[in-house]
């Protein structure tokens, strides 16, 4: 997968993408991540990439010329997305769509935003990581890159992970999980998980995922069309574990 990122701070992206599973995916060639600095496409001695908005207003805007020049020279893989609070909400479904493609490109805004002609004539769409305003698009780009690349075959090393985790195939939040020791500070792992009864463990896990989702994200239950008769039985059979 090829990913091009246009950013005034390429070190932020490269540093993040050099660690952990993403770093290994880059080293193996599964992910071809390229960062491009619009400052390299300026024509003045100060390498200017921003200017005051016409009509006045607070802050500065990223200029159109360096961005258009950078994209024209790089010829990135499309679609090219501008990272913006007003874009399409990025979620697990969008991550899955992007992971199924050959790649994509991201444009990180800075300052008060970008010249609107970038939206109109350069990018193919906009993505938002939430109803929050950041100083720039770099953190959002890192989030999107990790969420997408970890879904690629061979990146995680555990192919079941994306299926069983939160927002996976079930559409539920993930159930609580435990590891050794079986008792810690007087708190014990639920007996069912140490029973060896794998069918019962599977039912317990689904029940806990349902309890957690109902409590924290009831909208996900509604999106699934509510609870089935069997799921109601599971909720009665297995009470919820405590959550803060």
C-alpha atoms as a PDB file:
ATOM      1  CA  UNK A   1       0.000   0.000   0.000  1.00  0.00           C
ATOM      2  CA  UNK A   2       1.268   3.460  -0.912  1.00  0.00           C
ATOM      3  CA  UNK A   3       0.440   6.441   1.296  1.00  0.00           C
ATOM      4  CA  UNK A   4       1.531  10.002   0.485  1.00  0.00           C
ATOM      5  CA  UNK A   5       1.330  12.671   3.186  1.00  0.00           C
ATOM      6  CA  UNK A   6       1.706  16.383   2.480  1.00  0.00           C
ATOM      7  CA  UNK A   7       2.786  18.119   5.671  1.00  0.00           C
ATOM      8  CA  UNK A   8       4.845  21.035   6.918  1.00  0.00           C
ATOM      9  CA  UNK A   9       6.213  18.720   9.626  1.00  0.00           C
ATOM     10  CA  UNK A  10       7.240  15.465   7.938  1.00  0.00           C
ATOM     11  CA  UNK A  11       9.284  14.486  10.989  1.00  0.00           C
ATOM     12  CA  UNK A  12       6.095  14.105  13.006  1.00  0.00           C
ATOM     13  CA  UNK A  13       4.789  11.510  10.564  1.00  0.00           C
ATOM     14  CA  UNK A  14       8.077   9.722   9.949  1.00  0.00           C
ATOM     15  CA  UNK A  15       8.853   9.511  13.656  1.00  0.00           C
ATOM     16  CA  UNK A  16       5.488   7.994  14.486  1.00  0.00           C
ATOM     17  CA  UNK A  17       5.574   5.600  11.535  1.00  0.00           C
ATOM     18  CA  UNK A  18       9.038   4.280  12.369  1.00  0.00           C
ATOM     19  CA  UNK A  19       7.885   2.468  15.524  1.00  0.00           C
ATOM     20  CA  UNK A  20       5.944  -0.674  16.399  1.00  0.00           C
ATOM     21  CA  UNK A  21       3.951  -2.649  13.824  1.00  0.00           C
ATOM     22  CA  UNK A  22       3.785   0.250  11.386  1.00  0.00           C
ATOM     23  CA  UNK A  23       7.561   0.597  11.447  1.00  0.00           C
ATOM     24  CA  UNK A  24       7.932  -3.115  10.707  1.00  0.00           C
ATOM     25  CA  UNK A  25       5.387  -2.851   7.890  1.00  0.00           C
ATOM     26  CA  UNK A  26       7.449  -0.068   6.325  1.00  0.00           C
ATOM     27  CA  UNK A  27      10.669  -2.038   6.680  1.00  0.00           C
ATOM     28  CA  UNK A  28       9.098  -5.096   5.061  1.00  0.00           C
ATOM     29  CA  UNK A  29       7.731  -3.057   2.167  1.00  0.00           C
ATOM     30  CA  UNK A  30       4.078  -3.744   2.948  1.00  0.00           C
ATOM     31  CA  UNK A  31       3.548  -0.011   3.490  1.00  0.00           C
ATOM     32  CA  UNK A  32       5.173   2.585   1.243  1.00  0.00           C
ATOM     33  CA  UNK A  33       4.762   5.799   3.248  1.00  0.00           C
ATOM     34  CA  UNK A  34       6.114   8.999   1.688  1.00  0.00           C
ATOM     35  CA  UNK A  35       6.090  12.468   3.265  1.00  0.00           C
ATOM     36  CA  UNK A  36       6.287  15.665   1.223  1.00  0.00           C
ATOM     37  CA  UNK A  37       6.905  19.175   2.565  1.00  0.00           C
ATOM     38  CA  UNK A  38       5.070  21.958   0.665  1.00  0.00           C
ATOM     39  CA  UNK A  39       7.892  24.307   1.680  1.00  0.00           C
ATOM     40  CA  UNK A  40      10.053  22.509  -0.867  1.00  0.00           C
ATOM     41  CA  UNK A  41       7.759  23.863  -3.573  1.00  0.00           C
ATOM     42  CA  UNK A  42       7.888  27.548  -2.678  1.00  0.00           C
ATOM     43  CA  UNK A  43       9.692  30.109  -4.831  1.00  0.00           C
ATOM     44  CA  UNK A  44      10.716  32.818  -2.349  1.00  0.00           C
ATOM     45  CA  UNK A  45      13.735  32.921  -0.052  1.00  0.00           C
ATOM     46  CA  UNK A  46      11.589  32.633   3.078  1.00  0.00           C
ATOM     47  CA  UNK A  47       9.842  29.476   1.793  1.00  0.00           C
ATOM     48  CA  UNK A  48       6.475  31.053   2.550  1.00  0.00           C
ATOM     49  CA  UNK A  49       3.498  28.701   2.735  1.00  0.00           C
ATOM     50  CA  UNK A  50       0.927  30.920   4.489  1.00  0.00           C
ATOM     51  CA  UNK A  51      -0.643  34.337   4.074  1.00  0.00           C
ATOM     52  CA  UNK A  52      -3.385  36.510   5.573  1.00  0.00           C
ATOM     53  CA  UNK A  53      -6.953  35.854   4.401  1.00  0.00           C
ATOM     54  CA  UNK A  54      -8.671  38.253   2.018  1.00  0.00           C
ATOM     55  CA  UNK A  55     -11.302  40.295   3.845  1.00  0.00           C
ATOM     56  CA  UNK A  56      -9.432  40.079   7.128  1.00  0.00           C
ATOM     57  CA  UNK A  57      -9.848  37.677   9.999  1.00  0.00           C
ATOM     58  CA  UNK A  58      -7.824  35.869  12.598  1.00  0.00           C
ATOM     59  CA  UNK A  59      -4.787  33.807  11.735  1.00  0.00           C
ATOM     60  CA  UNK A  60      -3.193  32.774   8.478  1.00  0.00           C
ATOM     61  CA  UNK A  61      -4.139  30.370   5.699  1.00  0.00           C
ATOM     62  CA  UNK A  62      -2.051  27.847   3.834  1.00  0.00           C
ATOM     63  CA  UNK A  63      -1.502  29.168   0.324  1.00  0.00           C
ATOM     64  CA  UNK A  64      -2.742  27.314  -2.723  1.00  0.00           C
ATOM     65  CA  UNK A  65       0.382  27.558  -4.889  1.00  0.00           C
ATOM     66  CA  UNK A  66       2.791  25.386  -2.841  1.00  0.00           C
ATOM     67  CA  UNK A  67       0.150  22.724  -2.287  1.00  0.00           C
ATOM     68  CA  UNK A  68      -0.832  22.522  -5.951  1.00  0.00           C
ATOM     69  CA  UNK A  69       2.841  22.465  -6.969  1.00  0.00           C
ATOM     70  CA  UNK A  70       3.659  19.680  -4.492  1.00  0.00           C
ATOM     71  CA  UNK A  71       0.777  17.483  -5.619  1.00  0.00           C
ATOM     72  CA  UNK A  72       1.564  18.082  -9.300  1.00  0.00           C
ATOM     73  CA  UNK A  73       5.201  17.072  -8.801  1.00  0.00           C
ATOM     74  CA  UNK A  74       4.561  14.038  -6.600  1.00  0.00           C
ATOM     75  CA  UNK A  75       1.539  12.741  -8.537  1.00  0.00           C
ATOM     76  CA  UNK A  76       0.279  10.919  -5.426  1.00  0.00           C
ATOM     77  CA  UNK A  77      -1.999   7.953  -5.362  1.00  0.00           C
ATOM     78  CA  UNK A  78      -5.620   9.074  -5.295  1.00  0.00           C
ATOM     79  CA  UNK A  79      -7.892   9.700  -3.483  1.00  0.00           C
ATOM     80  CA  UNK A  80      -6.252  12.679  -1.814  1.00  0.00           C
ATOM     81  CA  UNK A  81      -7.988  13.697   1.419  1.00  0.00           C
ATOM     82  CA  UNK A  82      -7.736  17.004   3.235  1.00  0.00           C
ATOM     83  CA  UNK A  83      -7.772  16.479   7.007  1.00  0.00           C
ATOM     84  CA  UNK A  84     -10.395  18.874   8.346  1.00  0.00           C
ATOM     85  CA  UNK A  85     -12.954  19.014  11.207  1.00  0.00           C
ATOM     86  CA  UNK A  86     -15.677  19.431   8.586  1.00  0.00           C
ATOM     87  CA  UNK A  87     -14.841  16.251   6.679  1.00  0.00           C
ATOM     88  CA  UNK A  88     -16.425  12.820   6.589  1.00  0.00           C
ATOM     89  CA  UNK A  89     -16.166  11.204   9.997  1.00  0.00           C
ATOM     90  CA  UNK A  90     -13.344   8.681  10.012  1.00  0.00           C
ATOM     91  CA  UNK A  91     -14.359   5.466  11.757  1.00  0.00           C
ATOM     92  CA  UNK A  92     -13.648   1.741  11.567  1.00  0.00           C
ATOM     93  CA  UNK A  93     -15.866   1.285   8.520  1.00  0.00           C
ATOM     94  CA  UNK A  94     -13.946   3.960   6.630  1.00  0.00           C
ATOM     95  CA  UNK A  95     -10.667   2.389   7.786  1.00  0.00           C
ATOM     96  CA  UNK A  96     -11.795  -0.950   6.358  1.00  0.00           C
ATOM     97  CA  UNK A  97     -12.721   0.687   3.047  1.00  0.00           C
ATOM     98  CA  UNK A  98      -9.317   2.357   2.816  1.00  0.00           C
ATOM     99  CA  UNK A  99      -7.474  -0.818   3.827  1.00  0.00           C
ATOM    100  CA  UNK A 100      -9.050  -2.638   0.891  1.00  0.00           C
ATOM    101  CA  UNK A 101      -7.544  -0.150  -1.575  1.00  0.00           C
ATOM    102  CA  UNK A 102      -4.059   0.168  -3.070  1.00  0.00           C
ATOM    103  CA  UNK A 103      -3.464   3.345  -1.105  1.00  0.00           C
ATOM    104  CA  UNK A 104      -4.445   6.953  -0.531  1.00  0.00           C
ATOM    105  CA  UNK A 105      -2.985  10.379   0.207  1.00  0.00           C
ATOM    106  CA  UNK A 106      -3.460  12.888   3.020  1.00  0.00           C
ATOM    107  CA  UNK A 107      -3.021  16.654   3.131  1.00  0.00           C
ATOM    108  CA  UNK A 108      -2.364  18.067   6.606  1.00  0.00           C
ATOM    109  CA  UNK A 109      -3.697  21.555   7.191  1.00  0.00           C
ATOM    110  CA  UNK A 110      -2.072  24.083   9.508  1.00  0.00           C
ATOM    111  CA  UNK A 111      -2.756  27.580  10.803  1.00  0.00           C
ATOM    112  CA  UNK A 112      -6.417  28.606  10.342  1.00  0.00           C
ATOM    113  CA  UNK A 113      -6.905  26.290   7.396  1.00  0.00           C
ATOM    114  CA  UNK A 114      -6.258  26.220   3.656  1.00  0.00           C
ATOM    115  CA  UNK A 115      -7.174  28.404   0.699  1.00  0.00           C
ATOM    116  CA  UNK A 116     -10.617  27.169  -0.332  1.00  0.00           C
ATOM    117  CA  UNK A 117      -9.432  26.523  -3.865  1.00  0.00           C
ATOM    118  CA  UNK A 118      -7.553  23.545  -2.466  1.00  0.00           C
ATOM    119  CA  UNK A 119     -10.885  22.057  -1.411  1.00  0.00           C
ATOM    120  CA  UNK A 120     -12.532  22.932  -4.689  1.00  0.00           C
ATOM    121  CA  UNK A 121      -9.884  21.881  -7.174  1.00  0.00           C
ATOM    122  CA  UNK A 122      -7.113  19.801  -5.589  1.00  0.00           C
ATOM    123  CA  UNK A 123      -8.383  17.247  -3.082  1.00  0.00           C
ATOM    124  CA  UNK A 124     -10.923  14.484  -3.644  1.00  0.00           C
ATOM    125  CA  UNK A 125     -12.595  14.794  -0.250  1.00  0.00           C
ATOM    126  CA  UNK A 126     -12.113  15.583   3.437  1.00  0.00           C
ATOM    127  CA  UNK A 127     -11.726  13.390   6.511  1.00  0.00           C
ATOM    128  CA  UNK A 128     -12.298  14.281  10.162  1.00  0.00           C
ATOM    129  CA  UNK A 129     -11.145  12.255  13.168  1.00  0.00           C
ATOM    130  CA  UNK A 130     -13.735  13.873  15.444  1.00  0.00           C
ATOM    131  CA  UNK A 131     -15.435  17.037  16.574  1.00  0.00           C
ATOM    132  CA  UNK A 132     -12.226  18.618  17.784  1.00  0.00           C
ATOM    133  CA  UNK A 133      -9.831  21.220  16.376  1.00  0.00           C
ATOM    134  CA  UNK A 134      -6.106  20.425  16.330  1.00  0.00           C
ATOM    135  CA  UNK A 135      -3.138  22.659  15.612  1.00  0.00           C
ATOM    136  CA  UNK A 136      -2.585  20.695  12.421  1.00  0.00           C
ATOM    137  CA  UNK A 137      -3.489  17.533  10.580  1.00  0.00           C
ATOM    138  CA  UNK A 138      -0.411  15.514  11.503  1.00  0.00           C
ATOM    139  CA  UNK A 139      -1.879  13.789  14.568  1.00  0.00           C
ATOM    140  CA  UNK A 140      -5.005  12.963  12.582  1.00  0.00           C
ATOM    141  CA  UNK A 141      -2.867  11.606   9.741  1.00  0.00           C
ATOM    142  CA  UNK A 142      -1.004   9.309  12.145  1.00  0.00           C
ATOM    143  CA  UNK A 143      -4.291   8.041  13.556  1.00  0.00           C
ATOM    144  CA  UNK A 144      -5.674   7.273  10.102  1.00  0.00           C
ATOM    145  CA  UNK A 145      -2.476   5.639   8.874  1.00  0.00           C
ATOM    146  CA  UNK A 146      -2.279   3.313  11.876  1.00  0.00           C
ATOM    147  CA  UNK A 147      -5.981   2.438  11.834  1.00  0.00           C
ATOM    148  CA  UNK A 148      -5.807   1.533   8.142  1.00  0.00           C
ATOM    149  CA  UNK A 149      -2.462  -0.243   7.915  1.00  0.00           C
ATOM    150  CA  UNK A 150      -3.076  -2.504  10.910  1.00  0.00           C
ATOM    151  CA  UNK A 151      -5.971  -4.024   8.947  1.00  0.00           C
ATOM    152  CA  UNK A 152      -3.677  -5.077   6.104  1.00  0.00           C
ATOM    153  CA  UNK A 153      -2.845  -8.802   5.929  1.00  0.00           C
ATOM    154  CA  UNK A 154       0.424  -9.610   7.637  1.00  0.00           C
ATOM    155  CA  UNK A 155       0.788  -6.334   9.537  1.00  0.00           C
ATOM    156  CA  UNK A 156      -0.634  -7.356  12.919  1.00  0.00           C
ATOM    157  CA  UNK A 157       0.486 -10.976  12.888  1.00  0.00           C
ATOM    158  CA  UNK A 158      -2.881 -11.925  14.421  1.00  0.00           C
ATOM    159  CA  UNK A 159      -5.515 -12.143  11.727  1.00  0.00           C
ATOM    160  CA  UNK A 160      -8.317 -12.649  14.275  1.00  0.00           C
ATOM    161  CA  UNK A 161      -7.594  -9.330  16.005  1.00  0.00           C
ATOM    162  CA  UNK A 162      -9.520  -7.055  13.616  1.00  0.00           C
ATOM    163  CA  UNK A 163     -12.457  -9.498  13.666  1.00  0.00           C
ATOM    164  CA  UNK A 164     -12.943  -9.821  17.411  1.00  0.00           C
ATOM    165  CA  UNK A 165     -11.853  -6.386  18.657  1.00  0.00           C
ATOM    166  CA  UNK A 166     -14.093  -3.345  19.207  1.00  0.00           C
ATOM    167  CA  UNK A 167     -16.037  -2.304  16.086  1.00  0.00           C
ATOM    168  CA  UNK A 168     -15.117  -5.618  14.469  1.00  0.00           C
ATOM    169  CA  UNK A 169     -17.430  -8.121  12.803  1.00  0.00           C
ATOM    170  CA  UNK A 170     -19.884  -8.148  15.716  1.00  0.00           C
ATOM    171  CA  UNK A 171     -20.323  -4.374  15.742  1.00  0.00           C
ATOM    172  CA  UNK A 172     -19.817  -4.396  19.521  1.00  0.00           C
ATOM    173  CA  UNK A 173     -17.204  -3.097  21.923  1.00  0.00           C
ATOM    174  CA  UNK A 174     -14.671  -5.682  22.994  1.00  0.00           C
ATOM    175  CA  UNK A 175     -15.286  -7.705  26.134  1.00  0.00           C
ATOM    176  CA  UNK A 176     -13.061  -7.319  29.235  1.00  0.00           C
ATOM    177  CA  UNK A 177      -9.924  -9.447  29.148  1.00  0.00           C
ATOM    178  CA  UNK A 178      -7.520 -10.745  31.786  1.00  0.00           C
ATOM    179  CA  UNK A 179      -4.045 -12.257  31.997  1.00  0.00           C
ATOM    180  CA  UNK A 180      -1.808 -13.703  34.729  1.00  0.00           C
ATOM    181  CA  UNK A 181      -1.828 -13.748  37.687  1.00  0.00           C
ATOM    182  CA  UNK A 182      -5.272 -15.197  38.348  1.00  0.00           C
ATOM    183  CA  UNK A 183      -5.446 -13.155  41.566  1.00  0.00           C
ATOM    184  CA  UNK A 184      -4.020  -9.667  41.999  1.00  0.00           C
ATOM    185  CA  UNK A 185      -4.517  -7.492  45.099  1.00  0.00           C
ATOM    186  CA  UNK A 186      -7.537  -9.600  46.000  1.00  0.00           C
ATOM    187  CA  UNK A 187      -9.136  -9.221  42.581  1.00  0.00           C
ATOM    188  CA  UNK A 188      -9.668 -12.502  40.764  1.00  0.00           C
ATOM    189  CA  UNK A 189     -10.204 -13.470  37.147  1.00  0.00           C
ATOM    190  CA  UNK A 190     -13.775 -14.693  36.502  1.00  0.00           C
ATOM    191  CA  UNK A 191     -14.041 -18.454  37.063  1.00  0.00           C
ATOM    192  CA  UNK A 192     -15.550 -19.078  33.644  1.00  0.00           C
ATOM    193  CA  UNK A 193     -12.347 -17.955  31.904  1.00  0.00           C
ATOM    194  CA  UNK A 194     -10.377 -20.604  33.835  1.00  0.00           C
ATOM    195  CA  UNK A 195     -12.951 -23.349  33.374  1.00  0.00           C
ATOM    196  CA  UNK A 196     -11.656 -24.792  30.106  1.00  0.00           C
ATOM    197  CA  UNK A 197     -15.234 -24.825  28.784  1.00  0.00           C
ATOM    198  CA  UNK A 198     -14.611 -22.975  25.524  1.00  0.00           C
ATOM    199  CA  UNK A 199     -18.242 -22.879  24.459  1.00  0.00           C
ATOM    200  CA  UNK A 200     -19.245 -21.296  27.774  1.00  0.00           C
ATOM    201  CA  UNK A 201     -16.290 -18.890  27.550  1.00  0.00           C
ATOM    202  CA  UNK A 202     -17.464 -17.795  24.099  1.00  0.00           C
ATOM    203  CA  UNK A 203     -20.968 -17.132  25.437  1.00  0.00           C
ATOM    204  CA  UNK A 204     -19.556 -15.207  28.414  1.00  0.00           C
ATOM    205  CA  UNK A 205     -17.412 -13.067  26.130  1.00  0.00           C
ATOM    206  CA  UNK A 206     -20.344 -12.199  23.898  1.00  0.00           C
ATOM    207  CA  UNK A 207     -22.500 -11.393  26.937  1.00  0.00           C
ATOM    208  CA  UNK A 208     -19.827  -9.089  28.362  1.00  0.00           C
ATOM    209  CA  UNK A 209     -19.370  -7.385  24.991  1.00  0.00           C
ATOM    210  CA  UNK A 210     -23.120  -6.784  24.910  1.00  0.00           C
ATOM    211  CA  UNK A 211     -23.187  -5.475  28.503  1.00  0.00           C
ATOM    212  CA  UNK A 212     -20.293  -3.109  27.808  1.00  0.00           C
ATOM    213  CA  UNK A 213     -21.761  -1.834  24.543  1.00  0.00           C
ATOM    214  CA  UNK A 214     -25.202  -1.261  26.042  1.00  0.00           C
ATOM    215  CA  UNK A 215     -23.590   0.714  28.846  1.00  0.00           C
ATOM    216  CA  UNK A 216     -21.075   2.764  26.878  1.00  0.00           C
ATOM    217  CA  UNK A 217     -22.325   2.873  23.282  1.00  0.00           C
ATOM    218  CA  UNK A 218     -26.042   2.062  23.024  1.00  0.00           C
ATOM    219  CA  UNK A 219     -26.021   3.608  19.551  1.00  0.00           C
ATOM    220  CA  UNK A 220     -24.057   0.589  18.332  1.00  0.00           C
ATOM    221  CA  UNK A 221     -26.811  -1.706  19.591  1.00  0.00           C
ATOM    222  CA  UNK A 222     -29.397   0.372  17.733  1.00  0.00           C
ATOM    223  CA  UNK A 223     -27.291   0.215  14.572  1.00  0.00           C
ATOM    224  CA  UNK A 224     -27.420  -3.605  14.793  1.00  0.00           C
ATOM    225  CA  UNK A 225     -31.208  -3.504  14.987  1.00  0.00           C
ATOM    226  CA  UNK A 226     -31.405  -4.181  18.706  1.00  0.00           C
ATOM    227  CA  UNK A 227     -30.869  -7.417  20.608  1.00  0.00           C
ATOM    228  CA  UNK A 228     -31.869 -10.898  19.524  1.00  0.00           C
ATOM    229  CA  UNK A 229     -33.737 -13.330  21.760  1.00  0.00           C
ATOM    230  CA  UNK A 230     -30.533 -15.320  22.283  1.00  0.00           C
ATOM    231  CA  UNK A 231     -28.624 -12.185  23.245  1.00  0.00           C
ATOM    232  CA  UNK A 232     -31.273 -11.339  25.836  1.00  0.00           C
ATOM    233  CA  UNK A 233     -30.767 -14.847  27.283  1.00  0.00           C
ATOM    234  CA  UNK A 234     -27.015 -14.323  27.440  1.00  0.00           C
ATOM    235  CA  UNK A 235     -27.457 -11.067  29.334  1.00  0.00           C
ATOM    236  CA  UNK A 236     -29.579 -12.877  31.908  1.00  0.00           C
ATOM    237  CA  UNK A 237     -27.174 -15.826  32.155  1.00  0.00           C
ATOM    238  CA  UNK A 238     -24.031 -13.742  32.667  1.00  0.00           C
ATOM    239  CA  UNK A 239     -24.181 -10.563  34.775  1.00  0.00           C
ATOM    240  CA  UNK A 240     -21.830  -7.734  33.783  1.00  0.00           C
ATOM    241  CA  UNK A 241     -18.362  -7.424  35.286  1.00  0.00           C
ATOM    242  CA  UNK A 242     -17.744  -4.091  37.062  1.00  0.00           C
ATOM    243  CA  UNK A 243     -16.661  -1.082  35.025  1.00  0.00           C
ATOM    244  CA  UNK A 244     -15.604   2.285  36.431  1.00  0.00           C
END
